[in-house]
Protein backbone atom coordinates (compact mmCIF):
# COMPACT_ATOMS: atom_id res chain seq x y z
CA MET A 1 8.50 -19.86 -22.33
CA CYS A 2 7.01 -20.50 -18.74
CA THR A 3 3.22 -20.30 -18.41
CA VAL A 4 1.65 -17.35 -16.32
CA ASP A 5 1.13 -19.36 -13.42
CA GLN A 6 4.85 -20.27 -13.49
CA ARG A 7 5.52 -17.10 -14.21
CA LEU A 8 3.48 -15.73 -10.87
CA TYR A 9 5.52 -18.82 -8.90
CA GLN A 10 8.80 -17.02 -10.63
CA ILE A 11 7.60 -13.47 -9.36
CA ALA A 12 6.21 -14.37 -5.81
CA CYS A 13 9.44 -16.40 -5.31
CA SER A 14 11.61 -13.45 -5.87
CA PHE A 15 10.20 -11.37 -2.69
CA PRO A 16 12.77 -12.24 0.35
CA ALA A 17 9.62 -11.40 2.45
CA LEU A 18 7.88 -14.47 0.70
CA ARG A 19 10.37 -16.45 0.92
CA ARG A 20 10.88 -16.60 4.51
CA LYS A 21 7.17 -17.29 4.63
CA GLY A 22 7.83 -20.09 2.75
CA VAL A 23 6.81 -19.66 -0.63
CA GLU A 24 9.24 -22.36 -2.40
CA GLN A 25 7.64 -24.88 0.09
CA GLY A 26 4.10 -24.44 -0.39
CA HIS A 27 3.34 -22.39 2.38
CA ILE A 28 1.24 -19.75 1.10
CA PRO A 29 -2.29 -21.29 -0.41
CA GLY A 30 -2.59 -20.82 -3.91
CA ILE A 31 0.68 -20.49 -4.84
CA SER A 32 2.77 -23.64 -6.37
CA PRO A 33 5.48 -23.96 -8.77
CA ASN A 34 2.72 -25.21 -11.58
CA ASP A 35 -0.11 -23.27 -10.15
CA PHE A 36 -1.50 -19.89 -9.36
CA CYS A 37 -5.02 -20.19 -7.94
CA ASP A 38 -5.72 -16.65 -7.62
CA LEU A 39 -9.29 -17.60 -5.99
CA ASP A 40 -7.42 -19.47 -3.26
CA LEU A 41 -4.67 -17.09 -2.43
CA ALA A 42 -7.66 -13.99 -2.03
CA ALA A 43 -9.82 -16.51 0.21
CA TRP A 44 -6.89 -16.98 2.67
CA LEU A 45 -5.50 -13.82 2.35
CA TYR A 46 -8.60 -11.88 3.36
CA HIS A 47 -10.97 -14.75 4.74
CA GLY A 48 -8.00 -17.15 6.65
CA ALA A 49 -4.73 -16.85 8.01
CA GLY A 50 -3.50 -13.86 6.19
CA GLY A 51 -4.14 -11.60 8.55
CA VAL A 52 -1.07 -12.62 10.45
CA LEU A 53 1.03 -11.60 7.94
CA SER A 54 2.98 -8.26 8.14
CA HIS A 55 1.54 -5.03 6.41
CA GLY A 56 4.14 -5.56 3.45
CA GLU A 57 3.65 -9.30 3.07
CA PHE A 58 -0.03 -8.70 3.10
CA LEU A 59 0.90 -6.20 0.13
CA ILE A 60 2.91 -8.59 -1.39
CA LEU A 61 0.55 -10.80 -2.07
CA GLU A 62 -2.50 -7.92 -3.02
CA ALA A 63 0.05 -7.14 -5.64
CA LEU A 64 0.51 -10.70 -6.71
CA LEU A 65 -3.37 -11.03 -7.33
CA ASN A 66 -3.35 -7.85 -9.28
CA LEU A 67 -0.83 -8.69 -11.59
CA CYS A 68 -2.59 -11.86 -12.08
CA ASN A 69 -5.87 -10.66 -12.50
CA PRO A 70 -6.35 -6.58 -11.93
CA THR A 71 -10.37 -6.87 -12.98
CA ILE A 72 -11.22 -9.18 -9.65
CA HIS A 73 -8.20 -8.24 -7.55
CA ASN A 74 -7.88 -4.18 -7.57
CA LYS A 75 -7.65 -3.93 -3.74
CA PHE A 76 -3.24 -3.03 -4.00
CA ASN A 77 -2.44 -0.21 -3.40
CA LEU A 78 1.34 1.26 -4.91
CA GLY A 79 1.51 4.27 -3.55
CA ASP A 80 1.15 2.35 -0.11
CA ALA A 81 3.84 -0.13 -0.89
CA LEU A 82 6.23 2.60 -1.71
CA ASN A 83 5.80 3.39 1.74
CA VAL A 84 5.83 0.01 3.29
CA LEU A 85 8.11 -2.07 1.35
CA ASP A 86 12.02 -2.00 2.18
CA GLN A 87 14.46 -1.62 -0.81
CA ASP A 88 14.68 -5.87 -0.99
CA ASN A 89 10.93 -6.50 -1.79
CA MET A 90 10.47 -3.30 -4.13
CA LYS A 91 12.79 -4.36 -6.20
CA PRO A 92 10.89 -7.16 -6.95
CA LEU A 93 7.73 -5.76 -7.26
CA LEU A 94 9.15 -3.10 -9.66
CA ASP A 95 10.59 -5.90 -11.70
CA ALA A 96 7.24 -7.93 -11.29
CA ILE A 97 5.61 -4.96 -12.93
CA GLU A 98 7.97 -4.41 -15.82
CA ARG A 99 8.12 -8.25 -16.22
CA THR A 100 3.69 -8.64 -16.43
CA TYR A 101 3.30 -5.63 -18.26
CA ASN A 102 6.15 -6.81 -21.09
CA ARG A 103 5.12 -10.29 -20.65
CA ARG A 104 8.35 -12.02 -20.38
């Protein structure tokens, strides 16, 4: 069984958009195979270089933050994601929601 951090890393790597940004190589702060630091990711996303991401990439990272801790990270908008993400990135998002809900 994997830890929450490992599960969130696996979810992040399931998005083609994040793989293109180098998530598997550690190019997105706060996301690594054994550690998902939501505060580092949020700082990078909202106050660092996250502003250069596409709207879809930004939404995906907001979704990951929301899955990690919806109380602190409540900016994710599913309706916006439904209108922005393509099918290749929407499927991993829906799978992530189901996986987190079912805690597998």
